[in-house]
Amino acid sequence: MAEASAIRGAEAVPADLLAAFTAYEAAIVVNDLDHLDAAFAPGPETMRGDAAGLLVGHEAISAFRGTRGGVPQRVIERIEYRELGPDAALLVSISRYATGGTGLQTQVWEHRDGGWLITAAHVTPRAQALDRSMWRTVGDPLFQGAWEGPLEGLTVAVKDLFAIKGYRIGAGNPTFLDSVKAETYTSPAVSDLLRGGASLRGIARTDEFAYSIAGDNAHYGTPPNAALPGALPGGSSSGPASAVASGQAEIGLATDTAGSVRVPASYQGLWGLRTTHDLVPRQGMLPLAQSFDTIGWLTRDGETLQRVADWCLSYDGSDSTESVYGESGHDLPWRFLVPEEALAAVEDDTRAAFEQMLEVLAAHPSGPEIETVSIGALDDWFVPFRTVQGAEAWRNNGPWLREHPGSVGPAVAERFRAAALVSSADESAARAALAPLAERLHELVGDAQLLLPTVPGPAPMRTSGGEKVDRVRMATLRMTTPAAVAGVPALSVPLLTVPSQLGPAPVGVCAVSRAGTDIALVRLGRRLARVLSEAAAASEGTSA
């Protein structure tokens, strides 16, 4: 960094504070983690914030810094000093980056135990053209949709698995992106939205080959969680979910093999619909496991999701999707079945919030009928599902992976390594085990809907270690696979709030219905949300 004497305004800063500040900046340049940790005050009240969110506590700040890596080369060109008290000061500094652009750092320093320590910091980085962890490419718009239609005025973030004419599919992996040719046509799932009047905002990131539900990516980074800053966004539809949650798009076009719509919807407080398997055509979509791959949408509210479903799943809306108004033209039964195995598998705070929601529904004059049912051990679903998914994932991607060794991140590489070991006999046995389970679920949703928490708990912190993230992943997949196995629609609605290390966090409630009732399922979800909202308003009025 620049010599202290060369920094405009440095002459006003007390010498010992300026020395602490310049030592901290020198540590930033070389990414000296020990010095950076020592510069922040110990304890649970120290804070650091940036565009990604607020970290509270020295431990959380240190964990974040350990995963961040270094920062681009910069020099401090100006500093402003304000005394806050005999042992406290505010420093606001402007940094200039070697590759262009400026940033702003705001720090509160306190004099403790003979030295100056940072107790609060906020970093405003240089402006970016786009968040590359969220977007692969973006426009304003990238493609204009029809000038009129039921989706007019809405913008779409398309997961980087769909064909768009003139663009390559990237699948969340730079080596794959470099190895493929530009698409010669646009997939029907994208075209339907454009024909309805929506415009394409851009191509959004995906976890590598959609083989993850955490939302991180070893090559491009982790998109922000707009609902719970500092947490993982959920995946594999991480980019579309973050784009919608942050207000950069109204619709996320996504895929769901084992929860890739529902998990990010739950983590970021969104509405997310996994459609009936094979209802929306998958032409022009890079597959992971065709037996379970399904297209879906993410939105911030139920009304927008209803507009999308009504258009894309109606005869008039889509030239490629079979009309489902025959199944969805009538309301679904106002009756829910709660799987006891799923409720037993969630975290305590999630279970408490969900059970409180059920009590509110039961007490409401217009509340639904609610029963508890058994769907069998969750591992009976998950283990054979994982086997079939792995077999198909390797058939789809194994040849490319063999030709490009070392091209995927370690977590995804390990999943593909296990997938490569699945034998034909293993796959056949797993399919045989799944068939009666799917039939059982079809029977249950014949005249009712399953209702369960979408995921076990809130999104893990971005700084969580690999082992914890994998534990959460396995617990989550046990809850999301039954709908995938049965090929039925599943809707995540943001109805629960639970405590987390980062503050109040959203958790979705998932409703699962019979095949082909997708449009009616969204209506049912909106009705459920409306009843709970009415109950909350009545409770507030009574307490007032």
Protein backbone atom coordinates (compact mmCIF):
# COMPACT_ATOMS: atom_id res chain seq x y z
CA MET A 1 0.00 0.00 0.00
CA ALA A 2 1.00 3.65 -0.21
CA GLU A 3 3.29 5.13 2.46
CA ALA A 4 1.27 6.71 5.25
CA SER A 5 2.70 10.11 4.40
CA ALA A 6 1.32 9.80 0.86
CA ILE A 7 -2.26 9.22 2.02
CA ARG A 8 -4.36 12.37 1.85
CA GLY A 9 -5.73 13.15 5.30
CA ALA A 10 -3.28 10.90 7.15
CA GLU A 11 -1.76 13.86 9.01
CA ALA A 12 -4.95 14.21 11.07
CA VAL A 13 -4.84 10.63 12.37
CA PRO A 14 -3.06 9.95 15.69
CA ALA A 15 0.27 8.26 15.05
CA ASP A 16 -0.45 5.02 16.90
CA LEU A 17 -3.85 4.63 15.22
CA LEU A 18 -2.36 5.35 11.80
CA ALA A 19 0.30 2.71 12.45
CA ALA A 20 -2.38 0.14 13.33
CA PHE A 21 -4.37 1.06 10.23
CA THR A 22 -1.39 0.84 7.86
CA ALA A 23 -0.31 -2.49 9.38
CA TYR A 24 -3.81 -3.83 8.80
CA GLU A 25 -3.76 -2.68 5.17
CA ALA A 26 -0.34 -4.28 4.66
CA ALA A 27 -1.77 -7.56 5.97
CA ILE A 28 -4.70 -7.22 3.56
CA VAL A 29 -2.31 -6.97 0.61
CA VAL A 30 -0.49 -10.22 1.47
CA ASN A 31 -3.55 -11.96 2.99
CA ASP A 32 -1.83 -12.43 6.37
CA LEU A 33 -4.73 -14.16 8.14
CA ASP A 34 -3.12 -14.19 11.59
CA HIS A 35 -2.51 -10.45 11.53
CA LEU A 36 -5.98 -9.76 10.14
CA ASP A 37 -7.57 -11.83 12.90
CA ALA A 38 -5.52 -10.00 15.52
CA ALA A 39 -6.59 -6.61 14.15
CA PHE A 40 -10.26 -7.26 14.98
CA ALA A 41 -11.43 -7.09 18.57
CA PRO A 42 -12.14 -10.50 20.10
CA GLY A 43 -15.61 -11.37 21.30
CA PRO A 44 -19.16 -11.81 20.04
CA GLU A 45 -19.96 -8.11 19.43
CA THR A 46 -17.40 -7.31 16.72
CA MET A 47 -19.05 -6.70 13.33
CA ARG A 48 -18.08 -6.73 9.66
CA GLY A 49 -20.47 -5.99 6.82
CA ASP A 50 -20.38 -5.81 3.05
CA ALA A 51 -22.77 -6.30 0.14
CA ALA A 52 -23.07 -10.01 0.98
CA GLY A 53 -24.35 -9.36 4.49
CA LEU A 54 -23.39 -8.79 8.13
CA LEU A 55 -21.06 -10.99 10.16
CA VAL A 56 -21.32 -10.67 13.93
CA GLY A 57 -18.65 -12.02 16.24
CA HIS A 58 -14.90 -12.45 15.82
CA GLU A 59 -15.27 -16.17 15.15
CA ALA A 60 -17.67 -15.66 12.23
CA ILE A 61 -15.46 -12.93 10.75
CA SER A 62 -12.37 -15.12 11.01
CA ALA A 63 -14.14 -18.07 9.37
CA PHE A 64 -15.29 -15.86 6.50
CA ARG A 65 -11.80 -14.51 5.94
CA GLY A 66 -10.37 -18.02 5.82
CA THR A 67 -12.58 -18.91 2.85
CA ARG A 68 -12.37 -15.58 1.02
CA GLY A 69 -8.81 -15.66 -0.26
CA GLY A 70 -6.96 -12.42 -0.87
CA VAL A 71 -8.28 -9.13 -2.19
CA PRO A 72 -7.16 -7.39 -5.41
CA GLN A 73 -4.10 -5.18 -5.11
CA ARG A 74 -5.01 -1.70 -3.90
CA VAL A 75 -3.59 1.43 -2.29
CA ILE A 76 -5.21 3.82 0.16
CA GLU A 77 -5.38 7.29 -1.36
CA ARG A 78 -7.48 9.15 1.21
CA ILE A 79 -8.50 8.77 4.83
CA GLU A 80 -10.92 10.70 7.05
CA TYR A 81 -10.59 10.63 10.85
CA ARG A 82 -13.23 11.49 13.43
CA GLU A 83 -12.73 11.16 17.17
CA LEU A 84 -15.62 9.31 18.82
CA GLY A 85 -14.21 9.52 22.34
CA PRO A 86 -10.93 9.29 24.24
CA ASP A 87 -10.48 5.65 23.21
CA ALA A 88 -12.60 5.37 20.05
CA ALA A 89 -12.28 6.65 16.50
CA LEU A 90 -13.95 6.44 13.11
CA LEU A 91 -11.81 5.95 10.01
CA VAL A 92 -13.27 6.18 6.51
CA SER A 93 -10.82 5.43 3.72
CA ILE A 94 -10.88 5.31 -0.07
CA SER A 95 -8.87 2.62 -1.82
CA ARG A 96 -7.83 2.56 -5.47
CA TYR A 97 -7.36 -0.80 -7.16
CA ALA A 98 -4.45 -1.56 -9.46
CA THR A 99 -6.87 -2.81 -12.11
CA GLY A 100 -9.11 0.25 -11.85
CA GLY A 101 -11.97 1.43 -9.68
CA THR A 102 -12.25 2.55 -6.08
CA GLY A 103 -13.67 1.12 -2.88
CA LEU A 104 -14.70 2.51 0.51
CA GLN A 105 -13.85 1.17 3.97
CA THR A 106 -15.55 2.40 7.14
CA GLN A 107 -14.04 1.25 10.44
CA VAL A 108 -14.64 1.91 14.13
CA TRP A 109 -11.42 1.48 16.13
CA GLU A 110 -11.19 1.24 19.92
CA HIS A 111 -8.08 1.50 22.08
CA ARG A 112 -7.94 -1.63 24.24
CA ASP A 113 -5.14 -3.23 26.25
CA GLY A 114 -2.53 -0.86 24.91
CA GLY A 115 -3.43 -1.08 21.22
CA TRP A 116 -6.02 -0.15 18.60
CA LEU A 117 -8.51 -2.82 17.45
CA ILE A 118 -11.34 -2.79 14.91
CA THR A 119 -14.75 -3.28 16.53
CA ALA A 120 -16.92 -2.59 13.48
CA ALA A 121 -16.18 -2.45 9.76
CA HIS A 122 -18.12 -1.98 6.56
CA VAL A 123 -16.60 -2.56 3.14
CA THR A 124 -18.00 -1.13 -0.09
CA PRO A 125 -16.06 -2.79 -2.92
CA ARG A 126 -15.55 -1.28 -6.34
CA ALA A 127 -18.58 -1.41 -8.60
CA GLN A 128 -18.94 -4.56 -10.68
CA ALA A 129 -20.66 -4.90 -14.03
CA LEU A 130 -22.31 -8.04 -12.67
CA ASP A 131 -21.98 -10.47 -9.80
CA ARG A 132 -20.15 -13.33 -11.50
CA SER A 133 -21.08 -15.74 -8.73
CA MET A 134 -24.74 -15.17 -9.66
CA TRP A 135 -24.67 -14.47 -13.40
CA ARG A 136 -22.77 -15.92 -16.34
CA THR A 137 -24.05 -13.23 -18.67
CA VAL A 138 -26.71 -10.57 -18.25
CA GLY A 139 -28.42 -7.85 -20.28
CA ASP A 140 -31.10 -5.22 -19.98
CA PRO A 141 -32.60 -7.41 -21.29
CA LEU A 142 -30.48 -10.10 -22.91
CA PHE A 143 -33.51 -11.06 -25.03
CA GLN A 144 -36.76 -9.13 -25.39
CA GLY A 145 -39.90 -11.22 -25.11
CA ALA A 146 -43.22 -10.61 -26.83
CA TRP A 147 -44.37 -7.03 -26.35
CA GLU A 148 -47.73 -8.19 -25.02
CA GLY A 149 -48.81 -11.18 -22.99
CA PRO A 150 -49.70 -12.36 -19.48
CA LEU A 151 -46.03 -12.24 -18.43
CA GLU A 152 -45.39 -8.76 -19.83
CA GLY A 153 -42.99 -6.75 -17.70
CA LEU A 154 -41.42 -9.75 -15.98
CA THR A 155 -37.77 -10.72 -16.36
CA VAL A 156 -36.27 -14.21 -16.23
CA ALA A 157 -33.02 -15.60 -14.87
CA VAL A 158 -32.35 -18.84 -16.77
CA LYS A 159 -30.29 -21.56 -15.11
CA ASP A 160 -27.17 -22.33 -17.14
CA LEU A 161 -28.48 -25.71 -18.27
CA PHE A 162 -30.90 -24.53 -20.96
CA ALA A 163 -30.22 -24.03 -24.66
CA ILE A 164 -30.42 -20.40 -25.81
CA LYS A 165 -29.74 -19.78 -29.48
CA GLY A 166 -26.29 -18.30 -30.00
CA TYR A 167 -25.05 -19.16 -26.51
CA ARG A 168 -23.25 -22.17 -25.10
CA ILE A 169 -24.49 -24.16 -22.11
CA GLY A 170 -21.97 -23.78 -19.29
CA ALA A 171 -23.33 -26.16 -16.61
CA GLY A 172 -21.43 -24.27 -13.92
CA ASN A 173 -18.05 -25.45 -15.18
CA PRO A 174 -15.59 -23.32 -17.21
CA THR A 175 -13.93 -26.30 -18.87
CA PHE A 176 -17.28 -27.61 -20.05
CA LEU A 177 -18.22 -24.15 -21.33
CA ASP A 178 -15.03 -24.03 -23.39
CA SER A 179 -15.60 -27.52 -24.80
CA VAL A 180 -19.08 -27.09 -26.32
CA LYS A 181 -20.51 -25.20 -29.28
CA ALA A 182 -23.12 -22.46 -29.29
CA GLU A 183 -26.71 -23.69 -29.38
CA THR A 184 -28.62 -23.44 -32.64
CA TYR A 185 -32.06 -23.16 -31.04
CA THR A 186 -33.75 -22.06 -27.83
CA SER A 187 -35.28 -24.66 -25.53
CA PRO A 188 -39.10 -24.72 -25.32
CA ALA A 189 -39.04 -23.96 -21.59
CA VAL A 190 -37.32 -20.64 -22.35
CA SER A 191 -39.35 -19.89 -25.50
CA ASP A 192 -42.65 -20.32 -23.67
CA LEU A 193 -41.74 -17.60 -21.18
CA LEU A 194 -40.62 -15.23 -23.95
CA ARG A 195 -43.81 -15.85 -25.93
CA GLY A 196 -45.80 -14.90 -22.84
CA GLY A 197 -44.18 -11.47 -22.71
CA ALA A 198 -41.36 -12.09 -20.23
CA SER A 199 -37.87 -10.92 -21.15
CA LEU A 200 -34.64 -12.80 -20.54
CA ARG A 201 -32.51 -10.93 -18.01
CA GLY A 202 -29.60 -13.32 -18.27
CA ILE A 203 -28.05 -16.74 -17.83
CA ALA A 204 -27.60 -17.51 -14.14
CA ARG A 205 -25.12 -19.78 -12.43
CA THR A 206 -25.74 -23.37 -11.43
CA ASP A 207 -23.87 -25.70 -9.12
CA GLU A 208 -21.61 -27.87 -11.29
CA PHE A 209 -23.71 -30.13 -13.55
CA ALA A 210 -26.60 -29.54 -11.11
CA TYR A 211 -25.08 -32.22 -8.85
CA SER A 212 -25.39 -30.30 -5.57
CA ILE A 213 -28.00 -28.60 -3.40
CA ALA A 214 -25.77 -26.30 -1.31
CA GLY A 215 -25.46 -23.50 -3.86
CA ASP A 216 -21.67 -23.19 -3.93
CA ASN A 217 -19.43 -23.47 -6.96
CA ALA A 218 -15.70 -24.20 -6.84
CA HIS A 219 -15.03 -22.11 -9.96
CA TYR A 220 -17.30 -19.07 -9.76
CA GLY A 221 -17.94 -18.69 -6.05
CA THR A 222 -21.12 -18.74 -3.99
CA PRO A 223 -24.06 -16.50 -4.95
CA PRO A 224 -25.43 -14.37 -2.11
CA ASN A 225 -28.41 -15.41 -0.03
CA ALA A 226 -30.57 -12.29 -0.17
CA ALA A 227 -32.90 -13.44 2.60
CA LEU A 228 -30.18 -14.50 5.04
CA PRO A 229 -26.90 -12.73 4.24
CA GLY A 230 -23.93 -14.85 5.15
CA ALA A 231 -25.75 -18.13 4.47
CA LEU A 232 -25.53 -20.53 1.56
CA PRO A 233 -28.11 -19.79 -1.17
CA GLY A 234 -29.20 -23.36 -1.85
CA GLY A 235 -28.75 -25.18 -5.14
CA SER A 236 -28.30 -26.38 -7.62
CA SER A 237 -30.47 -23.53 -8.97
CA SER A 238 -28.40 -21.08 -6.93
CA GLY A 239 -28.02 -18.33 -9.53
CA PRO A 240 -31.69 -18.03 -10.52
CA ALA A 241 -32.77 -18.15 -6.86
CA SER A 242 -30.34 -15.43 -5.81
CA ALA A 243 -31.27 -13.29 -8.80
CA VAL A 244 -34.96 -13.49 -7.92
CA ALA A 245 -34.46 -13.03 -4.18
CA SER A 246 -32.26 -9.97 -4.72
CA GLY A 247 -34.76 -8.35 -7.09
CA GLN A 248 -32.66 -8.71 -10.25
CA ALA A 249 -35.29 -10.90 -11.92
CA GLU A 250 -38.91 -11.82 -11.25
CA ILE A 251 -38.78 -15.43 -12.48
CA GLY A 252 -36.11 -18.06 -12.09
CA LEU A 253 -36.26 -20.84 -14.70
CA ALA A 254 -34.70 -23.79 -12.93
CA THR A 255 -34.46 -27.56 -12.71
CA ASP A 256 -35.24 -29.93 -9.86
CA THR A 257 -33.83 -33.45 -9.79
CA ALA A 258 -33.75 -33.97 -6.04
CA GLY A 259 -34.74 -30.56 -4.68
CA SER A 260 -32.88 -27.96 -6.74
CA VAL A 261 -35.95 -25.70 -6.96
CA ARG A 262 -37.33 -26.40 -3.51
CA VAL A 263 -34.13 -26.09 -1.47
CA PRO A 264 -33.07 -22.61 -2.68
CA ALA A 265 -36.70 -21.52 -2.43
CA SER A 266 -36.70 -22.52 1.23
CA TYR A 267 -33.29 -21.02 1.98
CA GLN A 268 -34.14 -17.66 0.38
CA GLY A 269 -37.82 -17.23 1.25
CA LEU A 270 -39.13 -17.81 -2.29
CA TRP A 271 -42.01 -19.64 -3.91
CA GLY A 272 -40.71 -22.63 -5.84
CA LEU A 273 -42.62 -25.14 -7.98
CA ARG A 274 -41.23 -28.47 -9.09
CA THR A 275 -43.62 -29.49 -11.86
CA THR A 276 -44.98 -32.93 -12.67
CA HIS A 277 -42.24 -35.05 -14.21
CA ASP A 278 -42.26 -34.90 -18.02
CA LEU A 279 -44.97 -32.21 -18.04
CA VAL A 280 -42.66 -29.42 -19.19
CA PRO A 281 -40.48 -30.66 -22.08
CA ARG A 282 -36.78 -31.07 -21.35
CA GLN A 283 -35.59 -30.61 -24.92
CA GLY A 284 -32.59 -28.31 -24.90
CA MET A 285 -31.88 -28.94 -21.21
CA LEU A 286 -28.63 -30.57 -20.12
CA PRO A 287 -29.64 -33.68 -18.17
CA LEU A 288 -28.38 -34.99 -14.86
CA ALA A 289 -30.73 -37.93 -14.26
CA GLN A 290 -33.64 -38.15 -16.70
CA SER A 291 -35.78 -40.35 -14.47
CA PHE A 292 -36.08 -37.44 -12.04
CA ASP A 293 -35.04 -34.25 -13.89
CA THR A 294 -37.91 -31.77 -13.86
CA ILE A 295 -38.31 -28.11 -14.81
CA GLY A 296 -39.67 -25.55 -12.36
CA TRP A 297 -39.87 -21.88 -11.48
CA LEU A 298 -38.89 -19.59 -8.62
CA THR A 299 -40.67 -16.31 -7.77
CA ARG A 300 -40.91 -13.90 -4.85
CA ASP A 301 -44.69 -14.23 -4.50
CA GLY A 302 -47.49 -16.64 -5.23
CA GLU A 303 -49.30 -14.37 -7.67
CA THR A 304 -46.33 -14.25 -10.04
CA LEU A 305 -45.87 -18.00 -9.83
CA GLN A 306 -49.56 -18.43 -10.64
CA ARG A 307 -49.17 -16.27 -13.75
CA VAL A 308 -46.21 -18.35 -14.89
CA ALA A 309 -47.91 -21.69 -14.26
CA ASP A 310 -51.19 -20.60 -15.84
CA TRP A 311 -49.37 -19.55 -19.00
CA CYS A 312 -46.70 -22.20 -19.35
CA LEU A 313 -48.95 -25.12 -18.43
CA SER A 314 -52.00 -24.07 -20.41
CA TYR A 315 -52.91 -25.11 -23.93
CA ASP A 316 -52.81 -21.52 -25.17
CA GLY A 317 -49.59 -20.67 -23.40
CA SER A 318 -47.30 -23.41 -24.58
CA ASP A 319 -46.82 -24.94 -27.99
CA SER A 320 -44.89 -27.78 -26.39
CA THR A 321 -46.56 -28.58 -23.08
CA GLU A 322 -49.67 -30.67 -22.72
CA SER A 323 -52.55 -28.76 -21.19
CA VAL A 324 -53.08 -29.64 -17.55
CA TYR A 325 -56.26 -27.69 -17.03
CA GLY A 326 -58.09 -31.01 -17.02
CA GLU A 327 -56.42 -31.83 -13.73
CA SER A 328 -55.83 -28.29 -12.54
CA GLY A 329 -59.06 -26.59 -13.50
CA HIS A 330 -60.67 -27.61 -10.21
CA ASP A 331 -59.45 -26.85 -6.72
CA LEU A 332 -57.62 -29.59 -4.87
CA PRO A 333 -59.13 -31.07 -1.70
CA TRP A 334 -58.60 -28.85 1.33
CA ARG A 335 -56.96 -31.75 3.11
CA PHE A 336 -53.35 -32.34 4.13
CA LEU A 337 -51.38 -35.39 5.22
CA VAL A 338 -48.27 -34.80 7.34
CA PRO A 339 -45.62 -37.53 6.93
CA GLU A 340 -44.49 -38.46 10.43
CA GLU A 341 -41.07 -39.58 9.20
CA ALA A 342 -40.36 -36.18 7.65
CA LEU A 343 -41.43 -34.33 10.77
CA ALA A 344 -39.16 -36.53 12.88
CA ALA A 345 -36.21 -35.74 10.59
CA VAL A 346 -36.25 -31.95 10.87
CA GLU A 347 -34.41 -29.74 13.34
CA ASP A 348 -36.14 -28.91 16.62
CA ASP A 349 -36.82 -25.25 15.76
CA THR A 350 -38.28 -26.21 12.39
CA ARG A 351 -40.52 -28.82 13.97
CA ALA A 352 -41.75 -26.33 16.57
CA ALA A 353 -42.53 -23.70 13.93
CA PHE A 354 -44.27 -26.23 11.69
CA GLU A 355 -46.38 -27.65 14.53
CA GLN A 356 -47.36 -24.13 15.57
CA MET A 357 -48.47 -23.50 11.98
CA LEU A 358 -50.58 -26.66 12.08
CA GLU A 359 -52.21 -25.48 15.31
CA VAL A 360 -53.07 -22.15 13.71
CA LEU A 361 -54.60 -23.91 10.70
CA ALA A 362 -56.60 -26.27 12.91
CA ALA A 363 -58.02 -23.35 14.91
CA HIS A 364 -58.98 -21.27 11.86
CA PRO A 365 -62.68 -21.33 10.88
CA SER A 366 -61.66 -22.05 7.29
CA GLY A 367 -58.78 -24.32 8.19
CA PRO A 368 -58.12 -27.57 6.31
CA GLU A 369 -58.44 -31.14 7.46
CA ILE A 370 -55.04 -32.36 8.70
CA GLU A 371 -53.92 -35.92 9.42
CA THR A 372 -50.64 -37.67 10.14
CA VAL A 373 -49.53 -40.54 7.88
CA SER A 374 -46.54 -42.79 7.39
CA ILE A 375 -44.61 -42.87 4.13
CA GLY A 376 -42.00 -45.33 5.39
CA ALA A 377 -38.40 -44.82 6.40
CA LEU A 378 -36.85 -41.93 4.48
CA ASP A 379 -33.72 -43.98 3.76
CA ASP A 380 -35.91 -46.49 1.92
CA TRP A 381 -36.54 -43.69 -0.58
CA PHE A 382 -33.18 -41.99 -0.56
CA VAL A 383 -30.77 -44.92 -0.91
CA PRO A 384 -32.25 -46.42 -4.10
CA PHE A 385 -32.93 -42.94 -5.48
CA ARG A 386 -29.28 -42.03 -5.08
CA THR A 387 -28.28 -45.25 -6.87
CA VAL A 388 -30.47 -44.59 -9.91
CA GLN A 389 -29.52 -40.92 -9.97
CA GLY A 390 -25.84 -41.81 -9.85
CA ALA A 391 -26.13 -44.36 -12.65
CA GLU A 392 -27.84 -41.88 -14.94
CA ALA A 393 -25.54 -39.00 -13.95
CA TRP A 394 -22.50 -41.07 -14.92
CA ARG A 395 -24.01 -42.20 -18.21
CA ASN A 396 -24.74 -38.58 -19.08
CA ASN A 397 -21.46 -37.05 -17.96
CA GLY A 398 -18.93 -39.86 -17.51
CA PRO A 399 -17.47 -39.73 -21.05
CA TRP A 400 -16.82 -36.00 -20.77
CA LEU A 401 -15.36 -36.33 -17.27
CA ARG A 402 -12.96 -39.06 -18.42
CA GLU A 403 -11.75 -36.76 -21.19
CA HIS A 404 -11.33 -33.82 -18.79
CA PRO A 405 -9.83 -35.19 -15.55
CA GLY A 406 -9.55 -32.76 -12.67
CA SER A 407 -12.00 -30.31 -14.21
CA VAL A 408 -14.68 -30.36 -11.48
CA GLY A 409 -14.58 -29.26 -7.86
CA PRO A 410 -13.75 -31.81 -5.15
CA ALA A 411 -17.27 -32.29 -3.75
CA VAL A 412 -18.87 -32.86 -7.16
CA ALA A 413 -15.92 -35.00 -8.25
CA GLU A 414 -16.51 -37.28 -5.28
CA ARG A 415 -20.18 -37.69 -6.21
CA PHE A 416 -19.26 -38.62 -9.76
CA ARG A 417 -16.61 -41.03 -8.45
CA ALA A 418 -19.29 -42.84 -6.44
CA ALA A 419 -21.70 -42.70 -9.39
CA ALA A 420 -19.15 -44.42 -11.64
CA LEU A 421 -19.20 -47.45 -9.34
CA VAL A 422 -22.94 -48.16 -9.71
CA SER A 423 -23.43 -51.45 -11.55
CA SER A 424 -26.31 -52.44 -13.80
CA ALA A 425 -27.46 -54.88 -11.14
CA ASP A 426 -27.39 -52.13 -8.51
CA GLU A 427 -29.44 -49.86 -10.72
CA SER A 428 -32.02 -52.55 -11.53
CA ALA A 429 -32.44 -53.44 -7.86
CA ALA A 430 -32.83 -49.78 -6.94
CA ARG A 431 -35.48 -49.21 -9.60
CA ALA A 432 -37.38 -52.25 -8.34
CA ALA A 433 -37.26 -50.84 -4.80
CA LEU A 434 -38.55 -47.43 -5.90
CA ALA A 435 -41.56 -48.66 -7.89
CA PRO A 436 -43.80 -49.63 -4.93
CA LEU A 437 -42.78 -46.49 -3.05
CA ALA A 438 -43.91 -44.32 -5.94
CA GLU A 439 -47.19 -46.19 -6.10
CA ARG A 440 -47.72 -45.66 -2.37
CA LEU A 441 -47.22 -41.92 -2.72
CA HIS A 442 -49.60 -41.78 -5.69
CA GLU A 443 -52.26 -43.39 -3.51
CA LEU A 444 -51.71 -40.93 -0.67
CA VAL A 445 -52.09 -37.84 -2.86
CA GLY A 446 -55.13 -39.18 -4.68
CA ASP A 447 -57.51 -37.18 -2.49
CA ALA A 448 -55.17 -35.09 -0.32
CA GLN A 449 -51.79 -33.36 -0.36
CA LEU A 450 -48.70 -34.12 1.64
CA LEU A 451 -47.58 -31.20 3.80
CA LEU A 452 -44.12 -31.05 5.34
CA PRO A 453 -41.22 -28.68 5.94
CA THR A 454 -39.32 -28.30 2.69
CA VAL A 455 -35.93 -28.83 4.35
CA PRO A 456 -34.72 -29.81 7.83
CA GLY A 457 -33.72 -26.29 8.84
CA PRO A 458 -32.36 -22.91 7.76
CA ALA A 459 -29.54 -22.45 5.28
CA PRO A 460 -26.09 -23.26 6.68
CA MET A 461 -23.58 -20.45 6.99
CA ARG A 462 -21.34 -19.82 3.99
CA THR A 463 -18.38 -20.53 6.26
CA SER A 464 -19.64 -23.98 7.28
CA GLY A 465 -17.12 -26.75 6.75
CA GLY A 466 -17.53 -29.44 4.12
CA GLU A 467 -18.55 -32.11 6.62
CA LYS A 468 -21.42 -30.02 8.01
CA VAL A 469 -22.60 -29.03 4.54
CA ASP A 470 -22.59 -32.68 3.51
CA ARG A 471 -24.56 -33.70 6.60
CA VAL A 472 -27.17 -31.06 5.83
CA ARG A 473 -27.22 -32.19 2.19
CA MET A 474 -27.89 -35.81 3.09
CA ALA A 475 -30.60 -34.88 5.61
CA THR A 476 -32.24 -32.58 3.07
CA LEU A 477 -32.25 -35.12 0.25
CA ARG A 478 -34.00 -37.62 2.49
CA MET A 479 -36.91 -35.18 2.65
CA THR A 480 -36.96 -34.05 -0.98
CA THR A 481 -36.58 -37.37 -2.80
CA PRO A 482 -40.09 -38.85 -2.30
CA ALA A 483 -41.72 -36.29 -4.63
CA ALA A 484 -38.91 -36.86 -7.14
CA VAL A 485 -39.35 -40.63 -7.00
CA ALA A 486 -43.10 -40.35 -7.60
CA GLY A 487 -42.72 -37.68 -10.29
CA VAL A 488 -45.42 -35.51 -8.73
CA PRO A 489 -45.55 -31.72 -8.35
CA ALA A 490 -44.15 -30.15 -5.19
CA LEU A 491 -44.55 -26.52 -4.13
CA SER A 492 -42.39 -24.78 -1.53
CA VAL A 493 -44.11 -21.81 0.13
CA PRO A 494 -42.20 -19.43 2.48
CA LEU A 495 -44.32 -19.85 5.59
CA LEU A 496 -41.91 -20.50 8.48
CA THR A 497 -39.31 -18.40 10.27
CA VAL A 498 -36.81 -20.06 12.58
CA PRO A 499 -33.79 -18.84 14.56
CA SER A 500 -30.29 -19.29 13.14
CA GLN A 501 -26.75 -18.15 13.87
CA LEU A 502 -27.30 -15.32 11.40
CA GLY A 503 -30.69 -14.23 12.72
CA PRO A 504 -34.30 -15.10 11.82
CA ALA A 505 -34.23 -17.40 8.79
CA PRO A 506 -36.87 -18.58 6.31
CA VAL A 507 -37.87 -22.22 5.96
CA GLY A 508 -40.38 -23.32 3.37
CA VAL A 509 -43.42 -25.55 3.72
CA CYS A 510 -43.81 -28.06 0.91
CA ALA A 511 -47.15 -29.25 -0.48
CA VAL A 512 -47.10 -32.33 -2.72
CA SER A 513 -50.08 -33.23 -4.93
CA ARG A 514 -51.02 -35.73 -7.62
CA ALA A 515 -49.54 -35.62 -11.10
CA GLY A 516 -50.90 -32.94 -13.41
CA THR A 517 -52.38 -30.72 -10.72
CA ASP A 518 -49.60 -28.14 -10.87
CA ILE A 519 -51.77 -25.09 -11.52
CA ALA A 520 -54.23 -26.06 -8.81
CA LEU A 521 -51.35 -26.74 -6.42
CA VAL A 522 -50.15 -23.14 -6.75
CA ARG A 523 -53.70 -21.96 -6.06
CA LEU A 524 -53.77 -24.20 -3.00
CA GLY A 525 -50.46 -22.79 -1.78
CA ARG A 526 -51.78 -19.26 -2.13
CA ARG A 527 -54.90 -20.23 -0.19
CA LEU A 528 -52.75 -21.72 2.56
CA ALA A 529 -50.65 -18.56 2.78
CA ARG A 530 -53.77 -16.39 2.81
CA VAL A 531 -55.37 -18.32 5.70
CA LEU A 532 -52.19 -18.06 7.76
CA SER A 533 -51.91 -14.35 7.00
CA GLU A 534 -55.51 -13.80 8.10
CA ALA A 535 -54.85 -15.71 11.31
CA ALA A 536 -51.73 -13.64 12.03
CA ALA A 537 -53.62 -10.40 11.42
CA ALA A 538 -56.44 -11.50 13.72
CA SER A 539 -53.94 -12.44 16.42
CA GLU A 540 -52.24 -9.05 16.18
CA GLY A 541 -55.60 -7.31 16.40
CA THR A 542 -56.53 -9.27 19.52
CA SER A 543 -53.21 -8.58 21.24
CA ALA A 544 -53.48 -4.88 20.39
